[in-house]
Amino acid sequence: MRINTFAVRVFAVVCGGAGLLAGFTLGGGDAHAATDCNAANGQSVQHISGTSGCGARAGAGSSASATDASSSGTAVAVADGGGHARAHNLQPGSTALAGANSGGNAYSVTTGPGAMSIAQAHRGSNSVAVGGWGGQAVATPQGVACTGGFAAAADSGSGKACLRSGSVSLRN
């Protein structure tokens, strides 16, 4: 009796792929909930849970949200004058800070441990800062800075942007 080896290989790959897919979708979830702070129109909210903390403050006509999803980091967002600020920390030991005023939009995210990201926007500009593994990203109307392991930052008001990954550093 001869077995078709190609069919056996295809069957093994399909079964293995299905097993991996089931493992990724059904298991491996985090046992902790994110620390969330949301504020709008004159509200101020702070939450501390163990070593996780967040704070959001919004003036009239503004909104701010801050989330620490790492259970061991910090996220702070402040907005005023019609601004919108979003700060999201995803890794332990990291800090995300966002501030916006006068209709600006600031987005600050940390994606790696030991990271820091600061985004500040005003007068309708958009600022984005992403701090990766051991990286520091700063985006403000005065310019941008990217240092450390991985960092990316851009500010539409100043027209400046930078990207750093290890020894590669790009900026305009």
N, C-alpha and C. Protein backbone atom coordinates (compact mmCIF):
# COMPACT_ATOMS: atom_id res chain seq x y z
N MET A 1 0.83 -1.16 0.00
CA MET A 1 0.00 0.00 0.00
C MET A 1 0.89 1.24 0.00
N ARG A 2 0.56 2.13 -0.88
CA ARG A 2 1.35 3.34 -1.01
C ARG A 2 0.53 4.54 -0.54
N ILE A 3 1.14 5.39 0.31
CA ILE A 3 0.46 6.56 0.86
C ILE A 3 0.94 7.79 0.11
N ASN A 4 0.01 8.65 -0.24
CA ASN A 4 0.34 9.89 -0.93
C ASN A 4 0.97 10.85 0.10
N THR A 5 2.29 11.02 0.04
CA THR A 5 3.00 11.84 1.04
C THR A 5 2.62 13.31 0.95
N PHE A 6 2.31 13.80 -0.23
CA PHE A 6 1.91 15.20 -0.37
C PHE A 6 0.63 15.49 0.41
N ALA A 7 -0.34 14.60 0.30
CA ALA A 7 -1.61 14.77 1.01
C ALA A 7 -1.39 14.73 2.52
N VAL A 8 -0.51 13.85 2.99
CA VAL A 8 -0.22 13.75 4.42
C VAL A 8 0.42 15.05 4.91
N ARG A 9 1.32 15.61 4.12
CA ARG A 9 1.98 16.86 4.51
C ARG A 9 0.98 18.01 4.56
N VAL A 10 0.11 18.10 3.58
CA VAL A 10 -0.91 19.15 3.57
C VAL A 10 -1.82 19.00 4.79
N PHE A 11 -2.23 17.77 5.08
CA PHE A 11 -3.07 17.52 6.25
C PHE A 11 -2.37 17.96 7.54
N ALA A 12 -1.08 17.64 7.67
CA ALA A 12 -0.32 18.01 8.87
C ALA A 12 -0.21 19.54 9.00
N VAL A 13 0.03 20.23 7.90
CA VAL A 13 0.14 21.69 7.94
C VAL A 13 -1.20 22.32 8.31
N VAL A 14 -2.29 21.83 7.74
CA VAL A 14 -3.61 22.36 8.05
C VAL A 14 -3.95 22.14 9.52
N CYS A 15 -3.70 20.93 10.03
CA CYS A 15 -3.98 20.65 11.45
C CYS A 15 -3.11 21.50 12.37
N GLY A 16 -1.83 21.62 12.04
CA GLY A 16 -0.94 22.45 12.85
C GLY A 16 -1.35 23.90 12.84
N GLY A 17 -1.71 24.42 11.67
CA GLY A 17 -2.17 25.81 11.58
C GLY A 17 -3.44 26.05 12.36
N ALA A 18 -4.36 25.10 12.29
CA ALA A 18 -5.61 25.24 13.06
C ALA A 18 -5.33 25.21 14.56
N GLY A 19 -4.40 24.37 14.97
CA GLY A 19 -4.03 24.31 16.39
C GLY A 19 -3.41 25.61 16.87
N LEU A 20 -2.52 26.18 16.06
CA LEU A 20 -1.91 27.46 16.42
C LEU A 20 -2.96 28.56 16.48
N LEU A 21 -3.84 28.60 15.50
CA LEU A 21 -4.89 29.61 15.49
C LEU A 21 -5.78 29.50 16.72
N ALA A 22 -6.14 28.28 17.08
CA ALA A 22 -6.97 28.08 18.28
C ALA A 22 -6.22 28.51 19.53
N GLY A 23 -4.93 28.22 19.59
CA GLY A 23 -4.14 28.62 20.75
C GLY A 23 -4.05 30.13 20.90
N PHE A 24 -3.88 30.83 19.78
CA PHE A 24 -3.80 32.29 19.84
C PHE A 24 -5.13 32.94 20.18
N THR A 25 -6.21 32.39 19.68
CA THR A 25 -7.51 33.04 19.91
C THR A 25 -8.16 32.64 21.21
N LEU A 26 -7.90 31.44 21.70
CA LEU A 26 -8.58 30.97 22.90
C LEU A 26 -7.77 31.16 24.17
N GLY A 27 -6.48 31.18 24.08
CA GLY A 27 -5.67 31.25 25.30
C GLY A 27 -4.72 32.42 25.29
N GLY A 28 -3.97 32.53 26.37
CA GLY A 28 -2.94 33.55 26.46
C GLY A 28 -3.43 34.94 26.79
N GLY A 29 -4.64 35.08 27.27
CA GLY A 29 -5.15 36.40 27.62
C GLY A 29 -4.54 36.92 28.90
N ASP A 30 -4.56 38.22 29.08
CA ASP A 30 -4.05 38.83 30.30
C ASP A 30 -5.10 38.74 31.40
N ALA A 31 -4.62 38.57 32.62
CA ALA A 31 -5.53 38.44 33.76
C ALA A 31 -5.87 39.79 34.37
N HIS A 32 -5.29 40.86 33.85
CA HIS A 32 -5.54 42.18 34.43
C HIS A 32 -6.31 43.07 33.46
N ALA A 33 -7.00 44.00 34.03
CA ALA A 33 -7.73 44.97 33.21
C ALA A 33 -6.92 46.25 33.11
N ALA A 34 -7.13 46.98 32.06
CA ALA A 34 -6.43 48.24 31.87
C ALA A 34 -6.95 49.29 32.84
N THR A 35 -6.07 50.22 33.21
CA THR A 35 -6.47 51.35 34.03
C THR A 35 -6.85 52.47 33.07
N ASP A 36 -8.13 52.83 33.04
CA ASP A 36 -8.65 53.81 32.08
C ASP A 36 -9.09 55.09 32.77
N CYS A 37 -8.79 56.23 32.13
CA CYS A 37 -9.26 57.54 32.58
C CYS A 37 -9.78 58.29 31.36
N ASN A 38 -11.01 58.75 31.43
CA ASN A 38 -11.62 59.52 30.34
C ASN A 38 -12.28 60.76 30.91
N ALA A 39 -12.05 61.90 30.25
CA ALA A 39 -12.63 63.16 30.72
C ALA A 39 -13.07 63.99 29.52
N ALA A 40 -14.13 64.78 29.74
CA ALA A 40 -14.62 65.69 28.70
C ALA A 40 -15.31 66.88 29.35
N ASN A 41 -15.23 68.04 28.70
CA ASN A 41 -15.97 69.23 29.13
C ASN A 41 -15.85 69.57 30.62
N GLY A 42 -14.64 69.83 31.06
CA GLY A 42 -14.43 70.27 32.44
C GLY A 42 -14.25 69.17 33.46
N GLN A 43 -14.15 67.94 33.05
CA GLN A 43 -13.96 66.83 33.98
C GLN A 43 -12.48 66.58 34.24
N SER A 44 -12.22 65.93 35.38
CA SER A 44 -10.88 65.49 35.75
C SER A 44 -11.00 64.13 36.42
N VAL A 45 -10.24 63.15 35.94
CA VAL A 45 -10.33 61.78 36.45
C VAL A 45 -8.92 61.24 36.69
N GLN A 46 -8.71 60.60 37.83
CA GLN A 46 -7.45 59.92 38.13
C GLN A 46 -7.77 58.55 38.70
N HIS A 47 -6.98 57.54 38.31
CA HIS A 47 -7.11 56.19 38.85
C HIS A 47 -5.72 55.64 39.13
N ILE A 48 -5.59 54.99 40.29
CA ILE A 48 -4.36 54.29 40.62
C ILE A 48 -4.75 52.89 41.06
N SER A 49 -4.10 51.89 40.48
CA SER A 49 -4.36 50.50 40.82
C SER A 49 -3.02 49.79 40.93
N GLY A 50 -2.56 49.56 42.15
CA GLY A 50 -1.24 48.96 42.35
C GLY A 50 -0.16 49.90 41.85
N THR A 51 0.61 49.44 40.86
CA THR A 51 1.67 50.28 40.29
C THR A 51 1.26 50.87 38.95
N SER A 52 -0.03 50.84 38.65
CA SER A 52 -0.57 51.40 37.41
C SER A 52 -1.33 52.68 37.72
N GLY A 53 -1.17 53.69 36.87
CA GLY A 53 -1.88 54.93 37.11
C GLY A 53 -2.22 55.66 35.82
N CYS A 54 -3.32 56.42 35.88
CA CYS A 54 -3.70 57.25 34.74
C CYS A 54 -4.38 58.50 35.24
N GLY A 55 -4.36 59.52 34.41
CA GLY A 55 -5.04 60.77 34.72
C GLY A 55 -5.49 61.43 33.44
N ALA A 56 -6.69 62.00 33.46
CA ALA A 56 -7.22 62.72 32.30
C ALA A 56 -7.93 63.97 32.79
N ARG A 57 -7.65 65.08 32.12
CA ARG A 57 -8.29 66.35 32.48
C ARG A 57 -8.65 67.07 31.19
N ALA A 58 -9.90 67.53 31.12
CA ALA A 58 -10.37 68.20 29.91
C ALA A 58 -11.10 69.48 30.26
N GLY A 59 -10.75 70.55 29.57
CA GLY A 59 -11.45 71.82 29.74
C GLY A 59 -12.72 71.84 28.90
N ALA A 60 -13.39 72.96 28.88
CA ALA A 60 -14.64 73.10 28.13
C ALA A 60 -14.42 72.82 26.64
N GLY A 61 -15.27 72.00 26.07
CA GLY A 61 -15.19 71.67 24.66
C GLY A 61 -14.03 70.78 24.28
N SER A 62 -13.40 70.15 25.26
CA SER A 62 -12.22 69.32 25.02
C SER A 62 -12.47 67.90 25.50
N SER A 63 -11.59 66.98 25.08
CA SER A 63 -11.66 65.60 25.57
C SER A 63 -10.26 65.06 25.79
N ALA A 64 -10.13 64.20 26.79
CA ALA A 64 -8.84 63.59 27.10
C ALA A 64 -9.08 62.15 27.55
N SER A 65 -8.22 61.25 27.10
CA SER A 65 -8.29 59.87 27.57
C SER A 65 -6.89 59.34 27.79
N ALA A 66 -6.72 58.58 28.85
CA ALA A 66 -5.44 57.98 29.19
C ALA A 66 -5.68 56.54 29.63
N THR A 67 -4.86 55.63 29.13
CA THR A 67 -5.00 54.21 29.44
C THR A 67 -3.64 53.60 29.72
N ASP A 68 -3.53 52.90 30.84
CA ASP A 68 -2.34 52.08 31.11
C ASP A 68 -2.77 50.63 31.02
N ALA A 69 -2.34 49.94 29.99
CA ALA A 69 -2.70 48.54 29.78
C ALA A 69 -1.63 47.59 30.31
N SER A 70 -0.58 48.12 30.95
CA SER A 70 0.54 47.29 31.39
C SER A 70 0.45 46.84 32.84
N SER A 71 -0.40 47.45 33.63
CA SER A 71 -0.51 47.20 35.07
C SER A 71 0.72 47.67 35.83
N SER A 72 1.63 48.39 35.17
CA SER A 72 2.82 48.87 35.85
C SER A 72 3.43 50.06 35.10
N GLY A 73 2.59 51.04 34.78
CA GLY A 73 3.07 52.21 34.05
C GLY A 73 2.15 53.39 34.28
N THR A 74 2.34 54.43 33.47
CA THR A 74 1.60 55.67 33.66
C THR A 74 1.14 56.23 32.32
N ALA A 75 -0.07 56.78 32.33
CA ALA A 75 -0.59 57.50 31.16
C ALA A 75 -1.34 58.73 31.65
N VAL A 76 -1.03 59.90 31.05
CA VAL A 76 -1.66 61.16 31.45
C VAL A 76 -2.03 61.93 30.18
N ALA A 77 -3.26 62.45 30.15
CA ALA A 77 -3.72 63.26 29.02
C ALA A 77 -4.43 64.51 29.54
N VAL A 78 -4.10 65.67 28.97
CA VAL A 78 -4.71 66.94 29.36
C VAL A 78 -5.08 67.70 28.09
N ALA A 79 -6.31 68.21 28.04
CA ALA A 79 -6.76 68.97 26.87
C ALA A 79 -7.56 70.18 27.32
N ASP A 80 -7.47 71.26 26.54
CA ASP A 80 -8.22 72.49 26.84
C ASP A 80 -8.46 73.24 25.53
N GLY A 81 -9.39 74.16 25.55
CA GLY A 81 -9.64 75.02 24.39
C GLY A 81 -10.03 74.26 23.13
N GLY A 82 -10.81 73.21 23.26
CA GLY A 82 -11.23 72.44 22.09
C GLY A 82 -10.21 71.42 21.62
N GLY A 83 -9.20 71.15 22.43
CA GLY A 83 -8.18 70.16 22.07
C GLY A 83 -8.61 68.75 22.43
N HIS A 84 -7.90 67.78 21.85
CA HIS A 84 -8.16 66.36 22.11
C HIS A 84 -6.82 65.68 22.37
N ALA A 85 -6.69 65.03 23.53
CA ALA A 85 -5.45 64.38 23.91
C ALA A 85 -5.71 62.91 24.22
N ARG A 86 -4.83 62.03 23.71
CA ARG A 86 -4.93 60.59 23.94
C ARG A 86 -3.56 60.07 24.33
N ALA A 87 -3.48 59.37 25.48
CA ALA A 87 -2.23 58.76 25.93
C ALA A 87 -2.49 57.29 26.23
N HIS A 88 -1.69 56.40 25.64
CA HIS A 88 -1.86 54.96 25.83
C HIS A 88 -0.51 54.32 26.14
N ASN A 89 -0.40 53.74 27.33
CA ASN A 89 0.80 53.02 27.72
C ASN A 89 0.51 51.53 27.62
N LEU A 90 1.33 50.81 26.87
CA LEU A 90 1.10 49.39 26.65
C LEU A 90 2.11 48.49 27.33
N GLN A 91 3.19 49.04 27.90
CA GLN A 91 4.25 48.20 28.46
C GLN A 91 4.66 48.64 29.86
N PRO A 92 5.14 47.71 30.69
CA PRO A 92 5.53 48.04 32.06
C PRO A 92 6.73 49.00 32.11
N GLY A 93 6.71 49.86 33.11
CA GLY A 93 7.81 50.79 33.31
C GLY A 93 7.85 51.91 32.29
N SER A 94 6.78 52.13 31.59
CA SER A 94 6.73 53.16 30.54
C SER A 94 5.74 54.25 30.89
N THR A 95 5.90 55.41 30.25
CA THR A 95 5.03 56.56 30.50
C THR A 95 4.62 57.22 29.19
N ALA A 96 3.31 57.46 29.05
CA ALA A 96 2.78 58.17 27.88
C ALA A 96 2.10 59.45 28.36
N LEU A 97 2.49 60.59 27.78
CA LEU A 97 1.95 61.90 28.16
C LEU A 97 1.43 62.61 26.90
N ALA A 98 0.22 63.16 26.98
CA ALA A 98 -0.35 63.89 25.84
C ALA A 98 -1.02 65.16 26.33
N GLY A 99 -0.78 66.26 25.62
CA GLY A 99 -1.41 67.53 25.96
C GLY A 99 -1.83 68.26 24.69
N ALA A 100 -3.04 68.83 24.70
CA ALA A 100 -3.53 69.54 23.52
C ALA A 100 -4.36 70.74 23.94
N ASN A 101 -4.21 71.85 23.19
CA ASN A 101 -5.06 73.02 23.43
C ASN A 101 -5.36 73.70 22.10
N SER A 102 -6.26 74.65 22.14
CA SER A 102 -6.62 75.46 20.96
C SER A 102 -6.94 74.62 19.73
N GLY A 103 -7.68 73.54 19.92
CA GLY A 103 -8.09 72.71 18.79
C GLY A 103 -7.05 71.73 18.31
N GLY A 104 -5.96 71.54 19.05
CA GLY A 104 -4.93 70.59 18.67
C GLY A 104 -5.31 69.16 19.01
N ASN A 105 -4.64 68.20 18.36
CA ASN A 105 -4.84 66.77 18.61
C ASN A 105 -3.51 66.13 18.94
N ALA A 106 -3.39 65.56 20.14
CA ALA A 106 -2.14 64.93 20.57
C ALA A 106 -2.37 63.45 20.84
N TYR A 107 -1.48 62.60 20.29
CA TYR A 107 -1.55 61.16 20.48
C TYR A 107 -0.19 60.67 20.95
N SER A 108 -0.17 60.02 22.11
CA SER A 108 1.06 59.53 22.69
C SER A 108 0.89 58.05 23.03
N VAL A 109 1.83 57.21 22.54
CA VAL A 109 1.72 55.76 22.75
C VAL A 109 3.09 55.21 23.11
N THR A 110 3.13 54.30 24.09
CA THR A 110 4.35 53.55 24.37
C THR A 110 4.09 52.10 24.03
N THR A 111 5.00 51.50 23.25
CA THR A 111 4.82 50.13 22.81
C THR A 111 5.90 49.19 23.32
N GLY A 112 6.88 49.71 24.03
CA GLY A 112 7.95 48.87 24.54
C GLY A 112 8.24 49.20 25.99
N PRO A 113 8.85 48.27 26.73
CA PRO A 113 9.17 48.52 28.13
C PRO A 113 10.24 49.61 28.27
N GLY A 114 10.14 50.38 29.35
CA GLY A 114 11.11 51.44 29.60
C GLY A 114 11.02 52.60 28.63
N ALA A 115 9.88 52.79 28.01
CA ALA A 115 9.71 53.84 27.00
C ALA A 115 9.05 55.07 27.59
N MET A 116 9.22 56.19 26.89
CA MET A 116 8.53 57.42 27.24
C MET A 116 8.10 58.11 25.95
N SER A 117 6.87 58.60 25.93
CA SER A 117 6.41 59.36 24.76
C SER A 117 5.67 60.60 25.24
N ILE A 118 5.96 61.72 24.59
CA ILE A 118 5.33 63.00 24.93
C ILE A 118 4.83 63.63 23.63
N ALA A 119 3.54 63.95 23.60
CA ALA A 119 2.96 64.63 22.44
C ALA A 119 2.24 65.87 22.93
N GLN A 120 2.56 67.02 22.32
CA GLN A 120 1.91 68.28 22.67
C GLN A 120 1.48 68.96 21.38
N ALA A 121 0.20 69.34 21.32
CA ALA A 121 -0.33 69.97 20.11
C ALA A 121 -1.13 71.21 20.46
N HIS A 122 -1.10 72.21 19.57
CA HIS A 122 -1.95 73.39 19.75
C HIS A 122 -2.30 74.01 18.40
N ARG A 123 -3.25 74.92 18.42
CA ARG A 123 -3.69 75.67 17.24
C ARG A 123 -4.03 74.76 16.05
N GLY A 124 -4.79 73.71 16.31
CA GLY A 124 -5.25 72.84 15.24
C GLY A 124 -4.22 71.89 14.67
N SER A 125 -3.04 71.81 15.26
CA SER A 125 -2.02 70.90 14.75
C SER A 125 -2.23 69.49 15.30
N ASN A 126 -1.55 68.53 14.70
CA ASN A 126 -1.58 67.14 15.15
C ASN A 126 -0.18 66.73 15.55
N SER A 127 -0.05 66.13 16.74
CA SER A 127 1.24 65.63 17.22
C SER A 127 1.10 64.17 17.59
N VAL A 128 2.07 63.36 17.15
CA VAL A 128 2.07 61.93 17.43
C VAL A 128 3.45 61.55 17.94
N ALA A 129 3.49 60.81 19.06
CA ALA A 129 4.75 60.31 19.60
C ALA A 129 4.58 58.84 19.96
N VAL A 130 5.53 58.00 19.51
CA VAL A 130 5.51 56.57 19.80
C VAL A 130 6.86 56.18 20.36
N GLY A 131 6.86 55.72 21.61
CA GLY A 131 8.08 55.26 22.25
C GLY A 131 8.09 53.74 22.29
N GLY A 132 9.10 53.14 21.68
CA GLY A 132 9.23 51.68 21.66
C GLY A 132 10.20 51.21 22.73
N TRP A 133 10.77 50.04 22.54
CA TRP A 133 11.67 49.40 23.49
C TRP A 133 12.78 50.37 23.91
N GLY A 134 12.71 50.90 25.14
CA GLY A 134 13.74 51.79 25.66
C GLY A 134 13.87 53.10 24.91
N GLY A 135 12.86 53.50 24.18
CA GLY A 135 12.94 54.72 23.38
C GLY A 135 12.20 55.88 24.01
N GLN A 136 12.61 57.08 23.62
CA GLN A 136 11.96 58.31 24.06
C GLN A 136 11.58 59.11 22.83
N ALA A 137 10.28 59.42 22.72
CA ALA A 137 9.77 60.19 21.58
C ALA A 137 9.08 61.44 22.09
N VAL A 138 9.41 62.59 21.48
CA VAL A 138 8.82 63.87 21.86
C VAL A 138 8.37 64.58 20.59
N ALA A 139 7.09 65.00 20.58
CA ALA A 139 6.55 65.77 19.45
C ALA A 139 5.85 67.00 20.01
N THR A 140 6.38 68.19 19.71
CA THR A 140 5.82 69.45 20.20
C THR A 140 5.82 70.47 19.06
N PRO A 141 5.14 71.59 19.24
CA PRO A 141 5.18 72.64 18.21
C PRO A 141 6.59 73.21 18.00
N GLN A 142 7.47 73.05 18.98
CA GLN A 142 8.85 73.53 18.84
C GLN A 142 9.74 72.56 18.07
N GLY A 143 9.27 71.34 17.85
CA GLY A 143 10.07 70.35 17.13
C GLY A 143 9.87 68.96 17.69
N VAL A 144 10.71 68.03 17.25
CA VAL A 144 10.60 66.63 17.64
C VAL A 144 11.95 66.10 18.09
N ALA A 145 11.91 65.01 18.86
CA ALA A 145 13.14 64.33 19.29
C ALA A 145 12.86 62.84 19.39
N CYS A 146 13.80 62.03 18.90
CA CYS A 146 13.71 60.58 18.98
C CYS A 146 15.05 60.05 19.48
N THR A 147 15.06 59.40 20.64
CA THR A 147 16.29 58.87 21.22
C THR A 147 16.04 57.46 21.75
N GLY A 148 17.12 56.76 22.08
CA GLY A 148 16.99 55.43 22.67
C GLY A 148 16.82 54.33 21.65
N GLY A 149 16.16 53.24 22.08
CA GLY A 149 16.00 52.06 21.24
C GLY A 149 15.15 52.29 20.02
N PHE A 150 13.84 52.46 20.20
CA PHE A 150 12.94 52.78 19.09
C PHE A 150 12.07 53.96 19.47
N ALA A 151 11.94 54.91 18.55
CA ALA A 151 11.08 56.07 18.79
C ALA A 151 10.68 56.68 17.45
N ALA A 152 9.46 57.20 17.42
CA ALA A 152 8.97 57.91 16.24
C ALA A 152 8.13 59.09 16.72
N ALA A 153 8.26 60.23 16.04
CA ALA A 153 7.51 61.42 16.43
C ALA A 153 7.26 62.29 15.21
N ALA A 154 6.11 62.97 15.22
CA ALA A 154 5.78 63.90 14.13
C ALA A 154 4.87 64.98 14.67
N ASP A 155 5.04 66.20 14.15
CA ASP A 155 4.19 67.32 14.52
C ASP A 155 3.84 68.10 13.26
N SER A 156 2.54 68.21 12.97
CA SER A 156 2.12 68.89 11.74
C SER A 156 2.30 70.40 11.83
N GLY A 157 2.27 70.96 13.03
CA GLY A 157 2.44 72.40 13.19
C GLY A 157 3.84 72.86 12.83
N SER A 158 4.85 72.13 13.27
CA SER A 158 6.23 72.48 12.96
C SER A 158 6.70 71.85 11.66
N GLY A 159 5.97 70.83 11.19
CA GLY A 159 6.39 70.13 9.98
C GLY A 159 7.58 69.22 10.20
N LYS A 160 7.87 68.89 11.44
CA LYS A 160 9.03 68.07 11.78
C LYS A 160 8.62 66.64 12.08
N ALA A 161 9.54 65.70 11.78
CA ALA A 161 9.32 64.28 12.07
C ALA A 161 10.66 63.61 12.29
N CYS A 162 10.66 62.53 13.06
CA CYS A 162 11.88 61.76 13.27
C CYS A 162 11.52 60.30 13.50
N LEU A 163 12.51 59.44 13.26
CA LEU A 163 12.38 58.00 13.48
C LEU A 163 13.72 57.47 13.92
N ARG A 164 13.73 56.68 14.98
CA ARG A 164 14.96 56.07 15.44
C ARG A 164 14.70 54.60 15.74
N SER A 165 15.58 53.75 15.23
CA SER A 165 15.52 52.32 15.51
C SER A 165 16.95 51.83 15.62
N GLY A 166 17.40 51.60 16.85
CA GLY A 166 18.79 51.19 17.07
C GLY A 166 19.75 52.27 16.62
N SER A 167 20.64 51.93 15.69
CA SER A 167 21.63 52.90 15.22
C SER A 167 21.13 53.73 14.04
N VAL A 168 19.93 53.42 13.53
CA VAL A 168 19.37 54.16 12.41
C VAL A 168 18.56 55.34 12.95
N SER A 169 18.88 56.54 12.49
CA SER A 169 18.18 57.74 12.95
C SER A 169 17.86 58.62 11.74
N LEU A 170 16.56 58.86 11.54
CA LEU A 170 16.11 59.70 10.43
C LEU A 170 15.33 60.89 10.97
N ARG A 171 15.53 62.06 10.38
CA ARG A 171 14.78 63.26 10.78
C ARG A 171 14.83 64.29 9.66
N ASN A 172 13.85 65.18 9.68
CA ASN A 172 13.87 66.25 8.67
C ASN A 172 14.14 67.59 9.32
